């Protein structure tokens, strides 16, 4: 118990929406780069099969926004 690190600040989870948005942006960017690489390599089947991935990623993003984002905006009275 002597070497316990106690953080000097607490964000109460406000950082997680920023991390989620960054991850979604990175995934969509990665999908676009993969489509470009597959097109350059003339892999038409792979290019076509990857097109649903950005759509599914953005649908997952919307689901997470509706399901989890209100938890990060409305905090209980104990936190403040």
Protein backbone atom coordinates (compact mmCIF):
# COMPACT_ATOMS: atom_id res chain seq x y z
CA UNK A 1 0.00 0.00 0.00
CA UNK A 2 2.99 2.31 0.23
CA UNK A 3 3.62 2.57 -3.54
CA UNK A 4 0.08 3.38 -4.64
CA UNK A 5 -0.17 6.01 -7.35
CA UNK A 6 -3.05 8.39 -6.78
CA UNK A 7 -3.92 10.53 -9.82
CA UNK A 8 -3.90 14.28 -9.27
CA UNK A 9 -6.90 14.85 -11.51
CA UNK A 10 -10.00 12.93 -12.53
CA UNK A 11 -11.70 13.49 -15.90
CA UNK A 12 -14.80 11.41 -15.05
CA UNK A 13 -14.73 9.76 -18.48
CA UNK A 14 -14.78 12.94 -20.58
CA UNK A 15 -11.79 11.72 -22.56
CA UNK A 16 -13.45 8.58 -23.96
CA UNK A 17 -15.69 10.28 -26.59
CA UNK A 18 -12.56 11.95 -27.99
CA UNK A 19 -10.79 8.59 -28.16
CA UNK A 20 -13.82 6.96 -29.80
CA UNK A 21 -14.09 9.69 -32.46
CA UNK A 22 -10.36 9.40 -33.20
CA UNK A 23 -10.62 5.65 -33.59
CA UNK A 24 -13.61 5.89 -35.94
CA UNK A 25 -11.81 8.49 -38.06
CA UNK A 26 -8.71 6.28 -38.20
CA UNK A 27 -10.74 3.24 -39.23
CA UNK A 28 -12.50 5.09 -42.06
CA UNK A 29 -9.17 6.52 -43.23
CA UNK A 30 -7.64 3.04 -43.15
CA UNK A 31 -10.53 1.70 -45.24
CA UNK A 32 -10.01 4.46 -47.82
CA UNK A 33 -6.27 3.75 -47.99
CA UNK A 34 -6.94 0.02 -48.37
CA UNK A 35 -9.35 0.66 -51.26
CA UNK A 36 -6.68 2.80 -52.92
CA UNK A 37 -3.98 0.18 -52.49
CA UNK A 38 -6.23 -2.60 -53.75
CA UNK A 39 -7.17 -0.49 -56.77
CA UNK A 40 -3.52 0.25 -57.57
CA UNK A 41 -2.66 -3.46 -57.28
CA UNK A 42 -5.60 -4.25 -59.58
CA UNK A 43 -7.35 -6.44 -57.00
CA UNK A 44 -10.90 -5.63 -58.01
CA UNK A 45 -12.50 -8.29 -55.82
CA UNK A 46 -10.77 -7.00 -52.69
CA UNK A 47 -11.65 -3.39 -53.60
CA UNK A 48 -15.30 -4.28 -53.98
CA UNK A 49 -15.50 -6.35 -50.82
CA UNK A 50 -14.02 -3.60 -48.65
CA UNK A 51 -16.67 -0.99 -49.61
CA UNK A 52 -19.21 -2.11 -46.94
CA UNK A 53 -16.64 -1.70 -44.14
CA UNK A 54 -16.76 2.13 -43.93
CA UNK A 55 -20.56 1.99 -43.99
CA UNK A 56 -20.62 -0.57 -41.19
CA UNK A 57 -18.06 1.45 -39.22
CA UNK A 58 -20.15 4.62 -39.49
CA UNK A 59 -23.30 2.70 -38.50
CA UNK A 60 -21.43 1.38 -35.45
CA UNK A 61 -20.38 4.96 -34.66
CA UNK A 62 -23.99 6.12 -34.74
CA UNK A 63 -25.05 3.24 -32.52
CA UNK A 64 -22.36 4.13 -29.99
CA UNK A 65 -23.31 7.81 -30.10
CA UNK A 66 -26.95 7.03 -29.34
CA UNK A 67 -26.20 4.33 -26.77
CA UNK A 68 -23.16 5.61 -24.85
CA UNK A 69 -22.65 9.35 -25.49
CA UNK A 70 -25.47 10.45 -23.14
CA UNK A 71 -23.64 8.65 -20.33
CA UNK A 72 -20.62 10.87 -20.87
CA UNK A 73 -22.64 14.11 -21.06
CA UNK A 74 -24.99 13.71 -18.08
CA UNK A 75 -23.02 13.02 -14.91
CA UNK A 76 -24.51 12.18 -11.54
CA UNK A 77 -24.58 14.85 -8.84
CA UNK A 78 -21.87 13.02 -6.88
CA UNK A 79 -19.25 13.59 -9.57
CA UNK A 80 -19.45 17.40 -9.58
